[in-house]
Amino acid sequence: TGLSDHLVNSVAFKNSTELYVGCHNSDIFQININKNQTSYLTSNAKEYHNFSLLYQPEKKRLWSGETYFEHNKWHYLNRIITNTLKIEAIPRSVLKKLHFNKKGQIVGCSMNGFYILEPEKNRLYGPSELGLKTKRAYAVHSDFKDRLWVGNNHGIFLYKDSSLVDPGIAHPAFHNRVEDIHEFSDSTLVFGTKGYGLIL
């Protein structure tokens, strides 16, 4: 395959014929499907597993966790801490489930909770800056209405007014661990749960 590791943690499409592949050993490759060509691009900024890759086409940036690769080097965002600008690395369990919301922000989650990245402002907001206590998040998803859903050990929640709010769904699956959240084109949400299977 041309990869340095057979364990692939993440994939991000650049366009209809090219994609990026993040290996467990921290290496990132670019693959051209039409040319059947695999090229080494770089290694993860933290030299750690590539849990989530996201390509930002308008900026030609490749995101891995809270860092982005541009002009052949990695860049870090400034994290807002007690109203000051400070560059601070997120703990080793880098962000997963990276995606853009309606505002153009990038949302991701980790063992400490979820984070919001503002690429245009070069800012990163962690759990404490979002008014939350540190608590592991397994899934995070911004839906078509730009509501932010968060899945953790206690079920599914909506982030609203600096708090995680119970959406009021009675089914027991939504009060136990939720590990993934996705959305169909018709806006139907899909929840991957631990012990209750797939819930729509």
C-alpha atoms as a PDB file:
ATOM      1  CA  THR A   1       0.000   0.000   0.000  1.00  0.00           C
ATOM      2  CA  GLY A   2       2.986   2.326   0.449  1.00  0.00           C
ATOM      3  CA  LEU A   3       2.000   3.194   4.039  1.00  0.00           C
ATOM      4  CA  SER A   4       4.474   2.955   6.915  1.00  0.00           C
ATOM      5  CA  ASP A   5       1.855   1.404   9.232  1.00  0.00           C
ATOM      6  CA  HIS A   6      -1.028  -0.961   8.434  1.00  0.00           C
ATOM      7  CA  LEU A   7      -3.057   0.511  11.299  1.00  0.00           C
ATOM      8  CA  VAL A   8      -4.944   3.509   9.858  1.00  0.00           C
ATOM      9  CA  ASN A   9      -6.742   5.731  12.364  1.00  0.00           C
ATOM     10  CA  SER A  10      -8.265   8.388  10.129  1.00  0.00           C
ATOM     11  CA  VAL A  11      -9.009   9.436   6.555  1.00  0.00           C
ATOM     12  CA  ALA A  12      -9.813  12.876   5.126  1.00  0.00           C
ATOM     13  CA  PHE A  13     -10.789  13.569   1.516  1.00  0.00           C
ATOM     14  CA  LYS A  14      -9.056  16.453  -0.253  1.00  0.00           C
ATOM     15  CA  ASN A  15     -11.232  16.111  -3.363  1.00  0.00           C
ATOM     16  CA  SER A  16     -12.891  13.368  -5.408  1.00  0.00           C
ATOM     17  CA  THR A  17      -9.561  11.730  -6.323  1.00  0.00           C
ATOM     18  CA  GLU A  18      -7.188  12.583  -3.452  1.00  0.00           C
ATOM     19  CA  LEU A  19      -7.252  11.803   0.237  1.00  0.00           C
ATOM     20  CA  TYR A  20      -5.115  11.960   3.348  1.00  0.00           C
ATOM     21  CA  VAL A  21      -4.461   8.920   5.518  1.00  0.00           C
ATOM     22  CA  GLY A  22      -3.415   9.164   9.163  1.00  0.00           C
ATOM     23  CA  CYS A  23      -1.498   6.169  10.501  1.00  0.00           C
ATOM     24  CA  HIS A  24      -1.259   5.022  14.099  1.00  0.00           C
ATOM     25  CA  ASN A  25       2.511   5.637  14.126  1.00  0.00           C
ATOM     26  CA  SER A  26       1.880   9.398  13.516  1.00  0.00           C
ATOM     27  CA  ASP A  27       2.739   9.387   9.776  1.00  0.00           C
ATOM     28  CA  ILE A  28       0.373  11.083   7.326  1.00  0.00           C
ATOM     29  CA  PHE A  29       0.209  10.145   3.633  1.00  0.00           C
ATOM     30  CA  GLN A  30      -1.460  11.667   0.586  1.00  0.00           C
ATOM     31  CA  ILE A  31      -3.027   9.227  -1.868  1.00  0.00           C
ATOM     32  CA  ASN A  32      -3.999   9.984  -5.467  1.00  0.00           C
ATOM     33  CA  ILE A  33      -6.518   7.338  -6.510  1.00  0.00           C
ATOM     34  CA  ASN A  34      -6.383   8.047 -10.256  1.00  0.00           C
ATOM     35  CA  LYS A  35      -2.599   7.831 -10.353  1.00  0.00           C
ATOM     36  CA  ASN A  36      -2.468   4.967  -7.835  1.00  0.00           C
ATOM     37  CA  GLN A  37       0.163   7.026  -6.027  1.00  0.00           C
ATOM     38  CA  THR A  38       0.960   7.163  -2.307  1.00  0.00           C
ATOM     39  CA  SER A  39       3.229   9.912  -1.005  1.00  0.00           C
ATOM     40  CA  TYR A  40       4.494  10.621   2.506  1.00  0.00           C
ATOM     41  CA  LEU A  41       3.354  14.083   3.603  1.00  0.00           C
ATOM     42  CA  THR A  42       4.457  14.607   7.190  1.00  0.00           C
ATOM     43  CA  SER A  43       4.189  13.266  10.751  1.00  0.00           C
ATOM     44  CA  ASN A  44       1.611  14.377  13.283  1.00  0.00           C
ATOM     45  CA  ALA A  45       2.705  17.518  15.149  1.00  0.00           C
ATOM     46  CA  LYS A  46       2.717  15.599  18.444  1.00  0.00           C
ATOM     47  CA  GLU A  47       4.251  12.484  16.937  1.00  0.00           C
ATOM     48  CA  TYR A  48       1.187  10.671  18.216  1.00  0.00           C
ATOM     49  CA  HIS A  49      -1.753   8.762  16.718  1.00  0.00           C
ATOM     50  CA  ASN A  50      -3.806  10.531  14.062  1.00  0.00           C
ATOM     51  CA  PHE A  51      -7.198  10.113  15.690  1.00  0.00           C
ATOM     52  CA  SER A  52      -8.958  12.561  13.390  1.00  0.00           C
ATOM     53  CA  LEU A  53      -8.018  14.370  10.180  1.00  0.00           C
ATOM     54  CA  LEU A  54     -10.052  17.173   8.567  1.00  0.00           C
ATOM     55  CA  TYR A  55      -9.296  19.013   5.339  1.00  0.00           C
ATOM     56  CA  GLN A  56     -10.221  22.700   4.984  1.00  0.00           C
ATOM     57  CA  PRO A  57     -10.319  23.260   1.190  1.00  0.00           C
ATOM     58  CA  GLU A  58     -10.685  27.055   1.101  1.00  0.00           C
ATOM     59  CA  LYS A  59      -7.478  27.427   3.132  1.00  0.00           C
ATOM     60  CA  LYS A  60      -5.789  24.259   1.854  1.00  0.00           C
ATOM     61  CA  ARG A  61      -5.195  23.233   5.454  1.00  0.00           C
ATOM     62  CA  LEU A  62      -5.065  19.745   6.887  1.00  0.00           C
ATOM     63  CA  TRP A  63      -6.182  19.570  10.519  1.00  0.00           C
ATOM     64  CA  SER A  64      -5.038  16.919  12.977  1.00  0.00           C
ATOM     65  CA  GLY A  65      -6.511  17.554  16.379  1.00  0.00           C
ATOM     66  CA  GLU A  66      -6.077  21.214  17.285  1.00  0.00           C
ATOM     67  CA  THR A  67      -3.176  21.793  14.883  1.00  0.00           C
ATOM     68  CA  TYR A  68      -3.149  22.414  11.146  1.00  0.00           C
ATOM     69  CA  PHE A  69      -0.577  21.688   8.444  1.00  0.00           C
ATOM     70  CA  GLU A  70       0.029  24.541   6.010  1.00  0.00           C
ATOM     71  CA  HIS A  71       3.066  25.646   3.990  1.00  0.00           C
ATOM     72  CA  ASN A  72       4.909  22.476   5.019  1.00  0.00           C
ATOM     73  CA  LYS A  73       4.739  23.073   8.770  1.00  0.00           C
ATOM     74  CA  TRP A  74       2.375  22.633  11.711  1.00  0.00           C
ATOM     75  CA  HIS A  75       0.596  25.585  13.303  1.00  0.00           C
ATOM     76  CA  TYR A  76      -0.992  25.833  16.772  1.00  0.00           C
ATOM     77  CA  LEU A  77      -3.996  27.909  17.766  1.00  0.00           C
ATOM     78  CA  ASN A  78      -4.036  30.281  20.713  1.00  0.00           C
ATOM     79  CA  ARG A  79      -6.120  29.043  23.607  1.00  0.00           C
ATOM     80  CA  ILE A  80      -8.172  31.526  25.606  1.00  0.00           C
ATOM     81  CA  ILE A  81      -7.315  31.140  29.298  1.00  0.00           C
ATOM     82  CA  THR A  82      -8.631  33.608  31.908  1.00  0.00           C
ATOM     83  CA  ASN A  83      -9.094  36.288  29.245  1.00  0.00           C
ATOM     84  CA  THR A  84      -5.484  36.118  28.085  1.00  0.00           C
ATOM     85  CA  LEU A  85      -3.909  34.682  24.978  1.00  0.00           C
ATOM     86  CA  LYS A  86      -1.748  31.688  25.681  1.00  0.00           C
ATOM     87  CA  ILE A  87      -0.539  28.819  23.531  1.00  0.00           C
ATOM     88  CA  GLU A  88      -1.234  25.599  25.369  1.00  0.00           C
ATOM     89  CA  ALA A  89      -1.152  22.085  23.972  1.00  0.00           C
ATOM     90  CA  ILE A  90      -4.144  19.853  24.517  1.00  0.00           C
ATOM     91  CA  PRO A  91      -3.301  16.623  26.424  1.00  0.00           C
ATOM     92  CA  ARG A  92      -2.011  13.690  24.430  1.00  0.00           C
ATOM     93  CA  SER A  93      -5.427  12.275  23.637  1.00  0.00           C
ATOM     94  CA  VAL A  94      -5.850  14.707  20.779  1.00  0.00           C
ATOM     95  CA  LEU A  95      -9.206  15.763  19.430  1.00  0.00           C
ATOM     96  CA  LYS A  96     -11.473  13.312  17.652  1.00  0.00           C
ATOM     97  CA  LYS A  97     -14.688  13.657  15.609  1.00  0.00           C
ATOM     98  CA  LEU A  98     -13.465  16.865  13.949  1.00  0.00           C
ATOM     99  CA  HIS A  99     -16.063  18.672  11.819  1.00  0.00           C
ATOM    100  CA  PHE A 100     -17.198  22.164  10.834  1.00  0.00           C
ATOM    101  CA  ASN A 101     -20.337  23.729  12.244  1.00  0.00           C
ATOM    102  CA  LYS A 102     -22.559  26.318  10.555  1.00  0.00           C
ATOM    103  CA  LYS A 103     -20.420  29.169  11.901  1.00  0.00           C
ATOM    104  CA  GLY A 104     -17.267  27.843  10.255  1.00  0.00           C
ATOM    105  CA  GLN A 105     -15.850  26.732  13.595  1.00  0.00           C
ATOM    106  CA  ILE A 106     -14.241  23.324  14.066  1.00  0.00           C
ATOM    107  CA  VAL A 107     -15.654  21.134  16.825  1.00  0.00           C
ATOM    108  CA  GLY A 108     -13.935  18.088  18.324  1.00  0.00           C
ATOM    109  CA  CYS A 109     -13.874  16.054  21.524  1.00  0.00           C
ATOM    110  CA  SER A 110     -11.383  14.309  23.796  1.00  0.00           C
ATOM    111  CA  MET A 111     -11.044  12.669  27.192  1.00  0.00           C
ATOM    112  CA  ASN A 112     -11.399  16.139  28.734  1.00  0.00           C
ATOM    113  CA  GLY A 113     -14.600  17.169  26.986  1.00  0.00           C
ATOM    114  CA  PHE A 114     -15.221  19.010  23.758  1.00  0.00           C
ATOM    115  CA  TYR A 115     -13.419  21.937  22.156  1.00  0.00           C
ATOM    116  CA  ILE A 116     -14.367  24.673  19.712  1.00  0.00           C
ATOM    117  CA  LEU A 117     -11.724  26.006  17.342  1.00  0.00           C
ATOM    118  CA  GLU A 118     -12.074  29.303  15.500  1.00  0.00           C
ATOM    119  CA  PRO A 119      -9.560  29.129  12.622  1.00  0.00           C
ATOM    120  CA  GLU A 120     -10.252  32.665  11.369  1.00  0.00           C
ATOM    121  CA  LYS A 121      -9.540  34.153  14.800  1.00  0.00           C
ATOM    122  CA  ASN A 122      -6.712  31.725  15.617  1.00  0.00           C
ATOM    123  CA  ARG A 123      -8.510  30.815  18.856  1.00  0.00           C
ATOM    124  CA  LEU A 124      -9.277  27.602  20.707  1.00  0.00           C
ATOM    125  CA  TYR A 125     -11.820  27.204  23.517  1.00  0.00           C
ATOM    126  CA  GLY A 126     -11.643  24.237  25.890  1.00  0.00           C
ATOM    127  CA  PRO A 127     -14.167  22.920  28.449  1.00  0.00           C
ATOM    128  CA  SER A 128     -13.307  25.479  31.125  1.00  0.00           C
ATOM    129  CA  GLU A 129     -13.626  28.358  28.650  1.00  0.00           C
ATOM    130  CA  LEU A 130     -17.010  26.972  27.566  1.00  0.00           C
ATOM    131  CA  GLY A 131     -18.285  26.978  31.144  1.00  0.00           C
ATOM    132  CA  LEU A 132     -17.982  23.218  31.668  1.00  0.00           C
ATOM    133  CA  LYS A 133     -16.199  20.860  34.023  1.00  0.00           C
ATOM    134  CA  THR A 134     -13.669  18.456  32.557  1.00  0.00           C
ATOM    135  CA  LYS A 135     -15.547  15.314  31.558  1.00  0.00           C
ATOM    136  CA  ARG A 136     -14.749  12.813  28.833  1.00  0.00           C
ATOM    137  CA  ALA A 137     -16.743  13.190  25.635  1.00  0.00           C
ATOM    138  CA  TYR A 138     -16.961  10.287  23.180  1.00  0.00           C
ATOM    139  CA  ALA A 139     -18.901  12.096  20.477  1.00  0.00           C
ATOM    140  CA  VAL A 140     -19.832  15.598  19.393  1.00  0.00           C
ATOM    141  CA  HIS A 141     -21.985  16.711  16.471  1.00  0.00           C
ATOM    142  CA  SER A 142     -23.309  20.027  15.128  1.00  0.00           C
ATOM    143  CA  ASP A 143     -26.665  19.399  13.433  1.00  0.00           C
ATOM    144  CA  PHE A 144     -28.432  21.229  10.582  1.00  0.00           C
ATOM    145  CA  LYS A 145     -29.890  23.728  13.072  1.00  0.00           C
ATOM    146  CA  ASP A 146     -26.387  24.273  14.507  1.00  0.00           C
ATOM    147  CA  ARG A 147     -27.344  22.621  17.774  1.00  0.00           C
ATOM    148  CA  LEU A 148     -24.365  20.977  19.436  1.00  0.00           C
ATOM    149  CA  TRP A 149     -24.933  17.405  20.649  1.00  0.00           C
ATOM    150  CA  VAL A 150     -22.470  15.793  23.061  1.00  0.00           C
ATOM    151  CA  GLY A 151     -22.243  12.096  23.928  1.00  0.00           C
ATOM    152  CA  ASN A 152     -20.569  10.953  27.144  1.00  0.00           C
ATOM    153  CA  ASN A 153     -20.791   8.207  29.763  1.00  0.00           C
ATOM    154  CA  HIS A 154     -24.117   9.551  31.017  1.00  0.00           C
ATOM    155  CA  GLY A 155     -25.906   9.766  27.682  1.00  0.00           C
ATOM    156  CA  ILE A 156     -26.679  12.474  25.139  1.00  0.00           C
ATOM    157  CA  PHE A 157     -26.770  16.198  25.897  1.00  0.00           C
ATOM    158  CA  LEU A 158     -27.216  19.526  24.150  1.00  0.00           C
ATOM    159  CA  TYR A 159     -24.734  22.320  24.769  1.00  0.00           C
ATOM    160  CA  LYS A 160     -26.773  25.429  25.553  1.00  0.00           C
ATOM    161  CA  ASP A 161     -26.005  28.587  27.535  1.00  0.00           C
ATOM    162  CA  SER A 162     -22.631  27.236  28.724  1.00  0.00           C
ATOM    163  CA  SER A 163     -24.227  24.053  30.062  1.00  0.00           C
ATOM    164  CA  LEU A 164     -24.896  20.483  28.977  1.00  0.00           C
ATOM    165  CA  VAL A 165     -28.676  20.118  28.961  1.00  0.00           C
ATOM    166  CA  ASP A 166     -30.670  16.880  28.989  1.00  0.00           C
ATOM    167  CA  PRO A 167     -32.775  16.934  25.780  1.00  0.00           C
ATOM    168  CA  GLY A 168     -35.590  15.133  27.603  1.00  0.00           C
ATOM    169  CA  ILE A 169     -35.612  11.877  25.614  1.00  0.00           C
ATOM    170  CA  ALA A 170     -36.978   9.053  27.770  1.00  0.00           C
ATOM    171  CA  HIS A 171     -35.388   6.085  25.968  1.00  0.00           C
ATOM    172  CA  PRO A 172     -32.728   4.470  28.235  1.00  0.00           C
ATOM    173  CA  ALA A 173     -30.184   4.466  25.402  1.00  0.00           C
ATOM    174  CA  PHE A 174     -29.941   8.238  25.722  1.00  0.00           C
ATOM    175  CA  HIS A 175     -29.044   7.988  29.403  1.00  0.00           C
ATOM    176  CA  ASN A 176     -26.132   5.624  28.900  1.00  0.00           C
ATOM    177  CA  ARG A 177     -22.846   5.926  27.046  1.00  0.00           C
ATOM    178  CA  VAL A 178     -23.161   7.429  23.554  1.00  0.00           C
ATOM    179  CA  GLU A 179     -20.090   6.869  21.387  1.00  0.00           C
ATOM    180  CA  ASP A 180     -20.945   8.398  18.026  1.00  0.00           C
ATOM    181  CA  ILE A 181     -23.397  10.812  16.417  1.00  0.00           C
ATOM    182  CA  HIS A 182     -24.079  11.355  12.714  1.00  0.00           C
ATOM    183  CA  GLU A 183     -26.776  12.894  10.551  1.00  0.00           C
ATOM    184  CA  PHE A 184     -28.552  11.854   7.333  1.00  0.00           C
ATOM    185  CA  SER A 185     -29.123  14.352   4.520  1.00  0.00           C
ATOM    186  CA  ASP A 186     -32.774  14.629   5.615  1.00  0.00           C
ATOM    187  CA  SER A 187     -31.532  15.819   9.069  1.00  0.00           C
ATOM    188  CA  THR A 188     -32.326  12.538  10.874  1.00  0.00           C
ATOM    189  CA  LEU A 189     -29.803  12.020  13.667  1.00  0.00           C
ATOM    190  CA  VAL A 190     -28.173   8.640  14.272  1.00  0.00           C
ATOM    191  CA  PHE A 191     -26.686   7.701  17.640  1.00  0.00           C
ATOM    192  CA  GLY A 192     -24.228   4.891  18.258  1.00  0.00           C
ATOM    193  CA  THR A 193     -24.703   3.646  21.826  1.00  0.00           C
ATOM    194  CA  LYS A 194     -22.944   1.206  24.114  1.00  0.00           C
ATOM    195  CA  GLY A 195     -25.413  -1.553  24.899  1.00  0.00           C
ATOM    196  CA  TYR A 196     -28.421  -0.313  22.930  1.00  0.00           C
ATOM    197  CA  GLY A 197     -27.106  -0.488  19.391  1.00  0.00           C
ATOM    198  CA  LEU A 198     -27.904   2.103  16.747  1.00  0.00           C
ATOM    199  CA  ILE A 199     -30.687   4.597  17.539  1.00  0.00           C
ATOM    200  CA  LEU A 200     -32.413   6.897  15.046  1.00  0.00           C
END
